Amino acid sequence: MANALVSIQIIPKTKNGEDVIPYVDAAIAVIEESGVKYQVNPLETTMEGDLTKLLAIVEKMNQKMTEMGSTNVISQVKILYQPSGASMNKLTEKYR
């Protein structure tokens, strides 16, 4: 059972001011490859799972940005930690 939701907006500093979208796409690919449940939204992506695993994914996302040539990365992160269980669907079901 998932015990956390982690939302992240990743903002890489690109080498020559080029478009960040390919970088963001690569960051989302890191999430996809992890196998955790996630949802891409216009300004951030939310992941659902074990907090330790989700934070490791955040670290891999940042590492990927530097591998691609970013000199630094800003990651804006929101965390819901709920040992009894955390679910994106449960939090948003009344809006559907």
PDB file of N, CA and C in Angstrom:
ATOM      1  N   MET A   1       0.839  -1.181   0.000  1.00  0.00           N
ATOM      2  CA  MET A   1       0.000   0.000   0.000  1.00  0.00           C
ATOM      3  C   MET A   1       0.887   1.248   0.000  1.00  0.00           C
ATOM      4  N   ALA A   2       0.501   2.222  -0.791  1.00  0.00           N
ATOM      5  CA  ALA A   2       1.225   3.490  -0.858  1.00  0.00           C
ATOM      6  C   ALA A   2       1.063   4.253   0.446  1.00  0.00           C
ATOM      7  N   ASN A   3       2.152   4.858   0.892  1.00  0.00           N
ATOM      8  CA  ASN A   3       2.068   5.670   2.103  1.00  0.00           C
ATOM      9  C   ASN A   3       2.371   7.141   1.836  1.00  0.00           C
ATOM     10  N   ALA A   4       2.540   7.484   0.547  1.00  0.00           N
ATOM     11  CA  ALA A   4       2.882   8.870   0.245  1.00  0.00           C
ATOM     12  C   ALA A   4       2.469   9.270  -1.164  1.00  0.00           C
ATOM     13  N   LEU A   5       2.238  10.551  -1.300  1.00  0.00           N
ATOM     14  CA  LEU A   5       2.112  11.205  -2.597  1.00  0.00           C
ATOM     15  C   LEU A   5       3.220  12.234  -2.646  1.00  0.00           C
ATOM     16  N   VAL A   6       3.938  12.282  -3.748  1.00  0.00           N
ATOM     17  CA  VAL A   6       4.976  13.278  -3.937  1.00  0.00           C
ATOM     18  C   VAL A   6       4.717  13.962  -5.277  1.00  0.00           C
ATOM     19  N   SER A   7       4.534  15.276  -5.215  1.00  0.00           N
ATOM     20  CA  SER A   7       4.384  16.073  -6.434  1.00  0.00           C
ATOM     21  C   SER A   7       5.674  16.825  -6.666  1.00  0.00           C
ATOM     22  N   ILE A   8       6.105  16.857  -7.924  1.00  0.00           N
ATOM     23  CA  ILE A   8       7.355  17.527  -8.249  1.00  0.00           C
ATOM     24  C   ILE A   8       7.214  18.366  -9.510  1.00  0.00           C
ATOM     25  N   GLN A   9       7.764  19.557  -9.429  1.00  0.00           N
ATOM     26  CA  GLN A   9       7.973  20.406 -10.596  1.00  0.00           C
ATOM     27  C   GLN A   9       9.480  20.555 -10.706  1.00  0.00           C
ATOM     28  N   ILE A  10      10.038  20.090 -11.815  1.00  0.00           N
ATOM     29  CA  ILE A  10      11.491  20.128 -11.979  1.00  0.00           C
ATOM     30  C   ILE A  10      11.835  21.225 -12.981  1.00  0.00           C
ATOM     31  N   ILE A  11      12.793  22.066 -12.598  1.00  0.00           N
ATOM     32  CA  ILE A  11      13.160  23.218 -13.422  1.00  0.00           C
ATOM     33  C   ILE A  11      14.675  23.180 -13.643  1.00  0.00           C
ATOM     34  N   PRO A  12      15.098  22.585 -14.755  1.00  0.00           N
ATOM     35  CA  PRO A  12      16.532  22.503 -15.025  1.00  0.00           C
ATOM     36  C   PRO A  12      17.055  23.794 -15.658  1.00  0.00           C
ATOM     37  N   LYS A  13      18.257  24.174 -15.289  1.00  0.00           N
ATOM     38  CA  LYS A  13      18.928  25.279 -15.972  1.00  0.00           C
ATOM     39  C   LYS A  13      19.623  24.674 -17.175  1.00  0.00           C
ATOM     40  N   THR A  14      19.224  25.083 -18.354  1.00  0.00           N
ATOM     41  CA  THR A  14      19.797  24.509 -19.569  1.00  0.00           C
ATOM     42  C   THR A  14      21.097  25.227 -19.942  1.00  0.00           C
ATOM     43  N   LYS A  15      21.921  24.539 -20.693  1.00  0.00           N
ATOM     44  CA  LYS A  15      23.263  25.028 -21.038  1.00  0.00           C
ATOM     45  C   LYS A  15      23.245  26.394 -21.712  1.00  0.00           C
ATOM     46  N   ASN A  16      22.447  26.519 -22.735  1.00  0.00           N
ATOM     47  CA  ASN A  16      22.442  27.747 -23.539  1.00  0.00           C
ATOM     48  C   ASN A  16      21.051  28.371 -23.601  1.00  0.00           C
ATOM     49  N   GLY A  17      20.272  28.158 -22.548  1.00  0.00           N
ATOM     50  CA  GLY A  17      18.928  28.712 -22.510  1.00  0.00           C
ATOM     51  C   GLY A  17      17.948  28.025 -23.448  1.00  0.00           C
ATOM     52  N   GLU A  18      18.280  26.803 -23.865  1.00  0.00           N
ATOM     53  CA  GLU A  18      17.379  26.095 -24.776  1.00  0.00           C
ATOM     54  C   GLU A  18      16.105  25.651 -24.053  1.00  0.00           C
ATOM     55  N   ASP A  19      15.159  25.207 -24.824  1.00  0.00           N
ATOM     56  CA  ASP A  19      13.856  24.760 -24.323  1.00  0.00           C
ATOM     57  C   ASP A  19      14.022  23.673 -23.265  1.00  0.00           C
ATOM     58  N   VAL A  20      13.284  23.780 -22.180  1.00  0.00           N
ATOM     59  CA  VAL A  20      13.386  22.786 -21.101  1.00  0.00           C
ATOM     60  C   VAL A  20      12.487  21.567 -21.328  1.00  0.00           C
ATOM     61  N   ILE A  21      11.583  21.616 -22.280  1.00  0.00           N
ATOM     62  CA  ILE A  21      10.620  20.526 -22.469  1.00  0.00           C
ATOM     63  C   ILE A  21      11.305  19.172 -22.677  1.00  0.00           C
ATOM     64  N   PRO A  22      12.351  19.050 -23.491  1.00  0.00           N
ATOM     65  CA  PRO A  22      13.012  17.739 -23.604  1.00  0.00           C
ATOM     66  C   PRO A  22      13.575  17.258 -22.261  1.00  0.00           C
ATOM     67  N   TYR A  23      14.016  18.170 -21.429  1.00  0.00           N
ATOM     68  CA  TYR A  23      14.512  17.819 -20.101  1.00  0.00           C
ATOM     69  C   TYR A  23      13.361  17.314 -19.226  1.00  0.00           C
ATOM     70  N   VAL A  24      12.265  18.032 -19.245  1.00  0.00           N
ATOM     71  CA  VAL A  24      11.092  17.628 -18.460  1.00  0.00           C
ATOM     72  C   VAL A  24      10.591  16.263 -18.936  1.00  0.00           C
ATOM     73  N   ASP A  25      10.568  16.065 -20.248  1.00  0.00           N
ATOM     74  CA  ASP A  25      10.168  14.756 -20.789  1.00  0.00           C
ATOM     75  C   ASP A  25      11.089  13.646 -20.267  1.00  0.00           C
ATOM     76  N   ALA A  26      12.375  13.923 -20.187  1.00  0.00           N
ATOM     77  CA  ALA A  26      13.330  12.925 -19.679  1.00  0.00           C
ATOM     78  C   ALA A  26      13.103  12.665 -18.192  1.00  0.00           C
ATOM     79  N   ALA A  27      12.755  13.715 -17.443  1.00  0.00           N
ATOM     80  CA  ALA A  27      12.468  13.544 -16.016  1.00  0.00           C
ATOM     81  C   ALA A  27      11.230  12.674 -15.827  1.00  0.00           C
ATOM     82  N   ILE A  28      10.216  12.908 -16.644  1.00  0.00           N
ATOM     83  CA  ILE A  28       8.996  12.095 -16.566  1.00  0.00           C
ATOM     84  C   ILE A  28       9.304  10.646 -16.981  1.00  0.00           C
ATOM     85  N   ALA A  29      10.217  10.467 -17.919  1.00  0.00           N
ATOM     86  CA  ALA A  29      10.616   9.105 -18.320  1.00  0.00           C
ATOM     87  C   ALA A  29      11.264   8.361 -17.149  1.00  0.00           C
ATOM     88  N   VAL A  30      11.982   9.071 -16.296  1.00  0.00           N
ATOM     89  CA  VAL A  30      12.569   8.443 -15.100  1.00  0.00           C
ATOM     90  C   VAL A  30      11.451   7.898 -14.216  1.00  0.00           C
ATOM     91  N   ILE A  31      10.393   8.678 -14.068  1.00  0.00           N
ATOM     92  CA  ILE A  31       9.236   8.215 -13.279  1.00  0.00           C
ATOM     93  C   ILE A  31       8.606   7.003 -13.940  1.00  0.00           C
ATOM     94  N   GLU A  32       8.386   7.095 -15.228  1.00  0.00           N
ATOM     95  CA  GLU A  32       7.766   5.989 -15.986  1.00  0.00           C
ATOM     96  C   GLU A  32       8.561   4.700 -15.803  1.00  0.00           C
ATOM     97  N   GLU A  33       9.868   4.799 -15.917  1.00  0.00           N
ATOM     98  CA  GLU A  33      10.730   3.620 -15.792  1.00  0.00           C
ATOM     99  C   GLU A  33      10.708   3.016 -14.388  1.00  0.00           C
ATOM    100  N   SER A  34      10.351   3.809 -13.387  1.00  0.00           N
ATOM    101  CA  SER A  34      10.331   3.323 -12.004  1.00  0.00           C
ATOM    102  C   SER A  34       9.170   2.377 -11.733  1.00  0.00           C
ATOM    103  N   GLY A  35       8.106   2.509 -12.526  1.00  0.00           N
ATOM    104  CA  GLY A  35       6.938   1.656 -12.348  1.00  0.00           C
ATOM    105  C   GLY A  35       5.928   2.148 -11.325  1.00  0.00           C
ATOM    106  N   VAL A  36       6.165   3.301 -10.692  1.00  0.00           N
ATOM    107  CA  VAL A  36       5.188   3.808  -9.722  1.00  0.00           C
ATOM    108  C   VAL A  36       4.004   4.441 -10.452  1.00  0.00           C
ATOM    109  N   LYS A  37       2.888   4.495  -9.761  1.00  0.00           N
ATOM    110  CA  LYS A  37       1.713   5.167 -10.295  1.00  0.00           C
ATOM    111  C   LYS A  37       2.002   6.670 -10.291  1.00  0.00           C
ATOM    112  N   TYR A  38       1.641   7.342 -11.395  1.00  0.00           N
ATOM    113  CA  TYR A  38       1.878   8.775 -11.458  1.00  0.00           C
ATOM    114  C   TYR A  38       0.853   9.447 -12.366  1.00  0.00           C
ATOM    115  N   GLN A  39       0.769  10.751 -12.228  1.00  0.00           N
ATOM    116  CA  GLN A  39      -0.136  11.540 -13.053  1.00  0.00           C
ATOM    117  C   GLN A  39       0.563  12.841 -13.419  1.00  0.00           C
ATOM    118  N   VAL A  40       0.643  13.121 -14.715  1.00  0.00           N
ATOM    119  CA  VAL A  40       1.238  14.361 -15.195  1.00  0.00           C
ATOM    120  C   VAL A  40       0.141  15.420 -15.245  1.00  0.00           C
ATOM    121  N   ASN A  41       0.435  16.564 -14.649  1.00  0.00           N
ATOM    122  CA  ASN A  41      -0.473  17.708 -14.653  1.00  0.00           C
ATOM    123  C   ASN A  41       0.244  18.880 -15.315  1.00  0.00           C
ATOM    124  N   PRO A  42      -0.468  19.968 -15.598  1.00  0.00           N
ATOM    125  CA  PRO A  42       0.168  21.063 -16.334  1.00  0.00           C
ATOM    126  C   PRO A  42       1.410  21.652 -15.670  1.00  0.00           C
ATOM    127  N   LEU A  43       1.455  21.726 -14.343  1.00  0.00           N
ATOM    128  CA  LEU A  43       2.560  22.393 -13.674  1.00  0.00           C
ATOM    129  C   LEU A  43       3.406  21.488 -12.795  1.00  0.00           C
ATOM    130  N   GLU A  44       2.992  20.240 -12.625  1.00  0.00           N
ATOM    131  CA  GLU A  44       3.749  19.307 -11.792  1.00  0.00           C
ATOM    132  C   GLU A  44       3.278  17.893 -12.089  1.00  0.00           C
ATOM    133  N   THR A  45       4.059  16.945 -11.638  1.00  0.00           N
ATOM    134  CA  THR A  45       3.702  15.532 -11.768  1.00  0.00           C
ATOM    135  C   THR A  45       3.619  14.947 -10.369  1.00  0.00           C
ATOM    136  N   THR A  46       2.557  14.148 -10.124  1.00  0.00           N
ATOM    137  CA  THR A  46       2.355  13.539  -8.821  1.00  0.00           C
ATOM    138  C   THR A  46       2.592  12.033  -8.926  1.00  0.00           C
ATOM    139  N   MET A  47       3.371  11.520  -7.968  1.00  0.00           N
ATOM    140  CA  MET A  47       3.653  10.091  -7.886  1.00  0.00           C
ATOM    141  C   MET A  47       3.007   9.530  -6.628  1.00  0.00           C
ATOM    142  N   GLU A  48       2.664   8.248  -6.665  1.00  0.00           N
ATOM    143  CA  GLU A  48       2.059   7.568  -5.516  1.00  0.00           C
ATOM    144  C   GLU A  48       2.890   6.328  -5.206  1.00  0.00           C
ATOM    145  N   GLY A  49       3.228   6.136  -3.917  1.00  0.00           N
ATOM    146  CA  GLY A  49       3.989   4.951  -3.552  1.00  0.00           C
ATOM    147  C   GLY A  49       4.611   5.070  -2.179  1.00  0.00           C
ATOM    148  N   ASP A  50       5.669   4.308  -1.977  1.00  0.00           N
ATOM    149  CA  ASP A  50       6.418   4.334  -0.731  1.00  0.00           C
ATOM    150  C   ASP A  50       7.316   5.574  -0.723  1.00  0.00           C
ATOM    151  N   LEU A  51       7.286   6.335   0.373  1.00  0.00           N
ATOM    152  CA  LEU A  51       8.015   7.599   0.436  1.00  0.00           C
ATOM    153  C   LEU A  51       9.498   7.431   0.117  1.00  0.00           C
ATOM    154  N   THR A  52      10.134   6.417   0.655  1.00  0.00           N
ATOM    155  CA  THR A  52      11.558   6.206   0.406  1.00  0.00           C
ATOM    156  C   THR A  52      11.836   6.022  -1.080  1.00  0.00           C
ATOM    157  N   LYS A  53      11.019   5.217  -1.746  1.00  0.00           N
ATOM    158  CA  LYS A  53      11.187   4.977  -3.178  1.00  0.00           C
ATOM    159  C   LYS A  53      10.931   6.255  -3.977  1.00  0.00           C
ATOM    160  N   LEU A  54       9.896   7.008  -3.600  1.00  0.00           N
ATOM    161  CA  LEU A  54       9.571   8.232  -4.333  1.00  0.00           C
ATOM    162  C   LEU A  54      10.688   9.261  -4.219  1.00  0.00           C
ATOM    163  N   LEU A  55      11.276   9.381  -3.039  1.00  0.00           N
ATOM    164  CA  LEU A  55      12.381  10.325  -2.876  1.00  0.00           C
ATOM    165  C   LEU A  55      13.608   9.886  -3.676  1.00  0.00           C
ATOM    166  N   ALA A  56      13.811   8.590  -3.802  1.00  0.00           N
ATOM    167  CA  ALA A  56      14.911   8.085  -4.631  1.00  0.00           C
ATOM    168  C   ALA A  56      14.664   8.438  -6.103  1.00  0.00           C
ATOM    169  N   ILE A  57      13.414   8.416  -6.523  1.00  0.00           N
ATOM    170  CA  ILE A  57      13.072   8.797  -7.901  1.00  0.00           C
ATOM    171  C   ILE A  57      13.357  10.283  -8.118  1.00  0.00           C
ATOM    172  N   VAL A  58      13.021  11.105  -7.136  1.00  0.00           N
ATOM    173  CA  VAL A  58      13.325  12.538  -7.228  1.00  0.00           C
ATOM    174  C   VAL A  58      14.833  12.733  -7.415  1.00  0.00           C
ATOM    175  N   GLU A  59      15.629  11.992  -6.665  1.00  0.00           N
ATOM    176  CA  GLU A  59      17.083  12.087  -6.799  1.00  0.00           C
ATOM    177  C   GLU A  59      17.526  11.677  -8.203  1.00  0.00           C
ATOM    178  N   LYS A  60      16.971  10.594  -8.735  1.00  0.00           N
ATOM    179  CA  LYS A  60      17.330  10.138 -10.082  1.00  0.00           C
ATOM    180  C   LYS A  60      16.928  11.161 -11.141  1.00  0.00           C
ATOM    181  N   MET A  61      15.789  11.821 -10.928  1.00  0.00           N
ATOM    182  CA  MET A  61      15.352  12.855 -11.867  1.00  0.00           C
ATOM    183  C   MET A  61      16.367  13.991 -11.915  1.00  0.00           C
ATOM    184  N   ASN A  62      16.835  14.415 -10.755  1.00  0.00           N
ATOM    185  CA  ASN A  62      17.826  15.488 -10.696  1.00  0.00           C
ATOM    186  C   ASN A  62      19.140  15.051 -11.344  1.00  0.00           C
ATOM    187  N   GLN A  63      19.546  13.822 -11.069  1.00  0.00           N
ATOM    188  CA  GLN A  63      20.776  13.300 -11.680  1.00  0.00           C
ATOM    189  C   GLN A  63      20.657  13.262 -13.204  1.00  0.00           C
ATOM    190  N   LYS A  64      19.489  12.879 -13.697  1.00  0.00           N
ATOM    191  CA  LYS A  64      19.261  12.824 -15.147  1.00  0.00           C
ATOM    192  C   LYS A  64      19.430  14.208 -15.768  1.00  0.00           C
ATOM    193  N   MET A  65      18.949  15.231 -15.088  1.00  0.00           N
ATOM    194  CA  MET A  65      19.064  16.592 -15.620  1.00  0.00           C
ATOM    195  C   MET A  65      20.533  16.996 -15.765  1.00  0.00           C
ATOM    196  N   THR A  66      21.346  16.668 -14.768  1.00  0.00           N
ATOM    197  CA  THR A  66      22.763  17.028 -14.855  1.00  0.00           C
ATOM    198  C   THR A  66      23.491  16.181 -15.899  1.00  0.00           C
ATOM    199  N   GLU A  67      23.074  14.919 -16.052  1.00  0.00           N
ATOM    200  CA  GLU A  67      23.645  14.077 -17.108  1.00  0.00           C
ATOM    201  C   GLU A  67      23.367  14.664 -18.487  1.00  0.00           C
ATOM    202  N   MET A  68      22.218  15.338 -18.613  1.00  0.00           N
ATOM    203  CA  MET A  68      21.834  15.949 -19.887  1.00  0.00           C
ATOM    204  C   MET A  68      22.508  17.305 -20.095  1.00  0.00           C
ATOM    205  N   GLY A  69      23.233  17.780 -19.092  1.00  0.00           N
ATOM    206  CA  GLY A  69      23.966  19.028 -19.259  1.00  0.00           C
ATOM    207  C   GLY A  69      23.491  20.200 -18.432  1.00  0.00           C
ATOM    208  N   SER A  70      22.467  20.018 -17.612  1.00  0.00           N
ATOM    209  CA  SER A  70      22.032  21.102 -16.737  1.00  0.00           C
ATOM    210  C   SER A  70      23.127  21.403 -15.724  1.00  0.00           C
ATOM    211  N   THR A  71      23.372  22.692 -15.518  1.00  0.00           N
ATOM    212  CA  THR A  71      24.377  23.066 -14.518  1.00  0.00           C
ATOM    213  C   THR A  71      23.786  23.020 -13.118  1.00  0.00           C
ATOM    214  N   ASN A  72      22.472  23.189 -13.011  1.00  0.00           N
ATOM    215  CA  ASN A  72      21.778  23.037 -11.733  1.00  0.00           C
ATOM    216  C   ASN A  72      20.302  22.789 -11.988  1.00  0.00           C
ATOM    217  N   VAL A  73      19.618  22.354 -10.960  1.00  0.00           N
ATOM    218  CA  VAL A  73      18.202  21.983 -11.078  1.00  0.00           C
ATOM    219  C   VAL A  73      17.466  22.465  -9.839  1.00  0.00           C
ATOM    220  N   ILE A  74      16.319  23.087 -10.062  1.00  0.00           N
ATOM    221  CA  ILE A  74      15.424  23.415  -8.956  1.00  0.00           C
ATOM    222  C   ILE A  74      14.301  22.383  -8.989  1.00  0.00           C
ATOM    223  N   SER A  75      14.059  21.737  -7.859  1.00  0.00           N
ATOM    224  CA  SER A  75      12.951  20.787  -7.741  1.00  0.00           C
ATOM    225  C   SER A  75      12.010  21.291  -6.660  1.00  0.00           C
ATOM    226  N   GLN A  76      10.818  21.652  -7.065  1.00  0.00           N
ATOM    227  CA  GLN A  76       9.804  22.056  -6.099  1.00  0.00           C
ATOM    228  C   GLN A  76       8.975  20.820  -5.785  1.00  0.00           C
ATOM    229  N   VAL A  77       9.005  20.412  -4.522  1.00  0.00           N
ATOM    230  CA  VAL A  77       8.417  19.134  -4.127  1.00  0.00           C
ATOM    231  C   VAL A  77       7.382  19.341  -3.032  1.00  0.00           C
ATOM    232  N   LYS A  78       6.241  18.664  -3.176  1.00  0.00           N
ATOM    233  CA  LYS A  78       5.213  18.606  -2.131  1.00  0.00           C
ATOM    234  C   LYS A  78       5.058  17.146  -1.742  1.00  0.00           C
ATOM    235  N   ILE A  79       4.949  16.898  -0.441  1.00  0.00           N
ATOM    236  CA  ILE A  79       4.850  15.521   0.045  1.00  0.00           C
ATOM    237  C   ILE A  79       3.653  15.377   0.971  1.00  0.00           C
ATOM    238  N   LEU A  80       2.848  14.367   0.698  1.00  0.00           N
ATOM    239  CA  LEU A  80       1.833  13.917   1.649  1.00  0.00           C
ATOM    240  C   LEU A  80       2.313  12.565   2.148  1.00  0.00           C
ATOM    241  N   TYR A  81       2.617  12.495   3.429  1.00  0.00           N
ATOM    242  CA  TYR A  81       3.017  11.224   4.037  1.00  0.00           C
ATOM    243  C   TYR A  81       1.906  10.796   4.970  1.00  0.00           C
ATOM    244  N   GLN A  82       1.353   9.633   4.695  1.00  0.00           N
ATOM    245  CA  GLN A  82       0.215   9.132   5.460  1.00  0.00           C
ATOM    246  C   GLN A  82       0.387   7.629   5.633  1.00  0.00           C
ATOM    247  N   PRO A  83       0.964   7.188   6.759  1.00  0.00           N
ATOM    248  CA  PRO A  83       1.243   5.765   6.953  1.00  0.00           C
ATOM    249  C   PRO A  83       0.024   4.858   6.787  1.00  0.00           C
ATOM    250  N   SER A  84      -1.165   5.378   7.032  1.00  0.00           N
ATOM    251  CA  SER A  84      -2.370   4.554   6.888  1.00  0.00           C
ATOM    252  C   SER A  84      -2.773   4.350   5.425  1.00  0.00           C
ATOM    253  N   GLY A  85      -2.109   5.051   4.516  1.00  0.00           N
ATOM    254  CA  GLY A  85      -2.388   4.895   3.093  1.00  0.00           C
ATOM    255  C   GLY A  85      -2.661   6.225   2.430  1.00  0.00           C
ATOM    256  N   ALA A  86      -2.079   6.414   1.251  1.00  0.00           N
ATOM    257  CA  ALA A  86      -2.259   7.641   0.476  1.00  0.00           C
ATOM    258  C   ALA A  86      -2.625   7.268  -0.948  1.00  0.00           C
ATOM    259  N   SER A  87      -3.589   7.980  -1.506  1.00  0.00           N
ATOM    260  CA  SER A  87      -4.074   7.663  -2.842  1.00  0.00           C
ATOM    261  C   SER A  87      -4.485   8.937  -3.575  1.00  0.00           C
ATOM    262  N   MET A  88      -4.001   9.086  -4.802  1.00  0.00           N
ATOM    263  CA  MET A  88      -4.437  10.224  -5.623  1.00  0.00           C
ATOM    264  C   MET A  88      -5.935  10.153  -5.865  1.00  0.00           C
ATOM    265  N   ASN A  89      -6.421   8.954  -6.188  1.00  0.00           N
ATOM    266  CA  ASN A  89      -7.846   8.808  -6.478  1.00  0.00           C
ATOM    267  C   ASN A  89      -8.714   9.175  -5.284  1.00  0.00           C
ATOM    268  N   LYS A  90      -8.311   8.738  -4.110  1.00  0.00           N
ATOM    269  CA  LYS A  90      -9.091   9.031  -2.909  1.00  0.00           C
ATOM    270  C   LYS A  90      -9.177  10.535  -2.649  1.00  0.00           C
ATOM    271  N   LEU A  91      -8.072  11.236  -2.874  1.00  0.00           N
ATOM    272  CA  LEU A  91      -8.059  12.671  -2.622  1.00  0.00           C
ATOM    273  C   LEU A  91      -8.886  13.465  -3.637  1.00  0.00           C
ATOM    274  N   THR A  92      -9.037  12.917  -4.833  1.00  0.00           N
ATOM    275  CA  THR A  92      -9.710  13.685  -5.888  1.00  0.00           C
ATOM    276  C   THR A  92     -11.040  13.098  -6.347  1.00  0.00           C
ATOM    277  N   GLU A  93     -11.482  12.002  -5.782  1.00  0.00           N
ATOM    278  CA  GLU A  93     -12.692  11.315  -6.277  1.00  0.00           C
ATOM    279  C   GLU A  93     -13.932  12.198  -6.255  1.00  0.00           C
ATOM    280  N   LYS A  94     -14.056  13.097  -5.299  1.00  0.00           N
ATOM    281  CA  LYS A  94     -15.257  13.927  -5.236  1.00  0.00           C
ATOM    282  C   LYS A  94     -15.321  14.941  -6.373  1.00  0.00           C
ATOM    283  N   TYR A  95     -14.234  15.145  -7.089  1.00  0.00           N
ATOM    284  CA  TYR A  95     -14.200  16.083  -8.204  1.00  0.00           C
ATOM    285  C   TYR A  95     -14.434  15.412  -9.544  1.00  0.00           C
ATOM    286  N   ARG A  96     -14.616  14.109  -9.539  1.00  0.00           N
ATOM    287  CA  ARG A  96     -14.813  13.389 -10.802  1.00  0.00           C
ATOM    288  C   ARG A  96     -16.256  13.025 -11.013  1.00  0.00           C
TER     289      ARG A  96
END
